[in-house]
Amino acid sequence: MDEGTRTDEKREIPEDETIPGSKQPRQAHSIAGQSQPRLGSRILLTWLELTVFGITGGILGTTVGGPPGFIVYLATSLATVGIIFYNVNELVKGWMDVTTSNQ
């Protein structure tokens, strides 16, 4: 029997699989058995948020014009940095959850 497996009725069951008819919780011992953060979807979401927010802020800043329009442009720039930080933070949290649960 391999390390990390258990036997049940003449067959080996990986540690992260539940025994049929058993109420044992799933055990997560490997990265392969866990859902990993989706980098592609996070990049796409960030790009979409930045595009929509940037265009909206640009149109609003141009429409208002003058000093208030400049304030809108600055607020839009600050918000885009916040969007990037938020999405990077979510991605890092996802990776940390995967790596720390294996130890």
Protein backbone atom coordinates (compact mmCIF):
# COMPACT_ATOMS: atom_id res chain seq x y z
CA MET A 1 0.00 0.00 0.00
CA ASP A 2 1.36 3.43 -0.96
CA GLU A 3 1.82 6.15 1.60
CA GLY A 4 -1.14 8.53 1.38
CA THR A 5 -3.66 5.81 0.53
CA ARG A 6 -5.93 3.52 2.51
CA THR A 7 -7.65 0.28 1.60
CA ASP A 8 -11.36 -0.34 1.47
CA GLU A 9 -12.82 -3.66 0.28
CA LYS A 10 -9.82 -4.78 -1.79
CA ARG A 11 -9.03 -1.44 -3.43
CA GLU A 12 -6.81 1.47 -2.54
CA ILE A 13 -8.44 4.86 -2.05
CA PRO A 14 -6.42 8.09 -2.17
CA GLU A 15 -6.45 10.06 1.08
CA ASP A 16 -8.42 12.93 -0.45
CA GLU A 17 -11.27 10.66 -1.64
CA THR A 18 -14.12 9.72 0.68
CA ILE A 19 -15.01 6.09 1.29
CA PRO A 20 -18.42 5.26 -0.23
CA GLY A 21 -21.04 5.13 2.52
CA SER A 22 -18.72 6.84 4.96
CA LYS A 23 -19.26 10.23 6.55
CA GLN A 24 -15.57 10.99 6.79
CA PRO A 25 -14.73 14.51 5.63
CA ARG A 26 -12.49 15.00 2.65
CA GLN A 27 -8.87 15.54 3.52
CA ALA A 28 -6.82 17.91 1.42
CA HIS A 29 -3.19 16.83 1.40
CA SER A 30 -2.15 17.76 -2.10
CA ILE A 31 -2.35 20.79 -4.32
CA ALA A 32 -3.63 18.60 -7.16
CA GLY A 33 -6.84 17.85 -5.26
CA GLN A 34 -7.64 21.49 -4.55
CA SER A 35 -9.06 24.21 -6.68
CA GLN A 36 -6.27 26.56 -7.66
CA PRO A 37 -6.83 30.29 -8.23
CA ARG A 38 -7.80 31.12 -11.78
CA LEU A 39 -5.25 33.62 -13.03
CA GLY A 40 -6.82 34.01 -16.47
CA SER A 41 -10.27 34.88 -15.18
CA ARG A 42 -8.81 37.30 -12.60
CA ILE A 43 -6.84 39.07 -15.37
CA LEU A 44 -9.93 39.25 -17.59
CA LEU A 45 -12.04 40.61 -14.73
CA THR A 46 -9.42 43.22 -13.87
CA TRP A 47 -9.13 44.31 -17.50
CA LEU A 48 -12.92 44.58 -17.81
CA GLU A 49 -13.24 46.60 -14.58
CA LEU A 50 -10.44 48.95 -15.60
CA THR A 51 -11.88 49.45 -19.07
CA VAL A 52 -15.42 50.18 -17.90
CA PHE A 53 -14.34 52.38 -15.01
CA GLY A 54 -11.72 54.24 -17.06
CA ILE A 55 -14.10 55.01 -19.92
CA THR A 56 -16.84 56.09 -17.53
CA GLY A 57 -14.46 58.32 -15.57
CA GLY A 58 -13.03 59.78 -18.77
CA ILE A 59 -16.45 60.62 -20.18
CA LEU A 60 -17.62 62.11 -16.88
CA GLY A 61 -14.40 64.13 -16.48
CA THR A 62 -14.67 65.49 -20.02
CA THR A 63 -18.34 66.33 -19.61
CA VAL A 64 -17.82 68.19 -16.33
CA GLY A 65 -14.63 69.94 -17.49
CA GLY A 66 -12.52 72.49 -15.63
CA PRO A 67 -11.22 71.90 -12.11
CA PRO A 68 -14.06 69.50 -11.16
CA GLY A 69 -13.26 67.45 -14.27
CA PHE A 70 -9.62 67.28 -13.18
CA ILE A 71 -10.76 66.01 -9.76
CA VAL A 72 -12.82 63.32 -11.55
CA TYR A 73 -9.74 62.29 -13.55
CA LEU A 74 -7.67 62.05 -10.36
CA ALA A 75 -10.39 60.05 -8.62
CA THR A 76 -10.59 57.72 -11.63
CA SER A 77 -6.82 57.17 -11.52
CA LEU A 78 -6.92 56.45 -7.81
CA ALA A 79 -9.83 54.03 -8.25
CA THR A 80 -8.02 52.14 -11.04
CA VAL A 81 -5.03 51.62 -8.74
CA GLY A 82 -7.48 50.37 -6.09
CA ILE A 83 -9.01 47.92 -8.59
CA ILE A 84 -5.58 46.53 -9.44
CA PHE A 85 -4.59 46.20 -5.78
CA TYR A 86 -7.87 44.49 -4.91
CA ASN A 87 -7.62 41.92 -7.71
CA VAL A 88 -3.96 41.17 -7.00
CA ASN A 89 -4.82 40.78 -3.30
CA GLU A 90 -7.62 38.31 -4.11
CA LEU A 91 -5.27 36.29 -6.29
CA VAL A 92 -2.57 36.20 -3.62
CA LYS A 93 -5.14 35.19 -0.96
CA GLY A 94 -6.27 32.33 -3.21
CA TRP A 95 -2.72 31.07 -3.64
CA MET A 96 -2.02 31.41 0.10
CA ASP A 97 -5.15 29.38 0.93
CA VAL A 98 -3.97 26.60 -1.39
CA THR A 99 -0.41 26.51 -0.11
CA THR A 100 -1.10 26.89 3.62
CA SER A 101 -3.81 24.23 3.73
CA ASN A 102 -1.26 21.63 2.55
CA GLN A 103 0.93 21.95 5.63
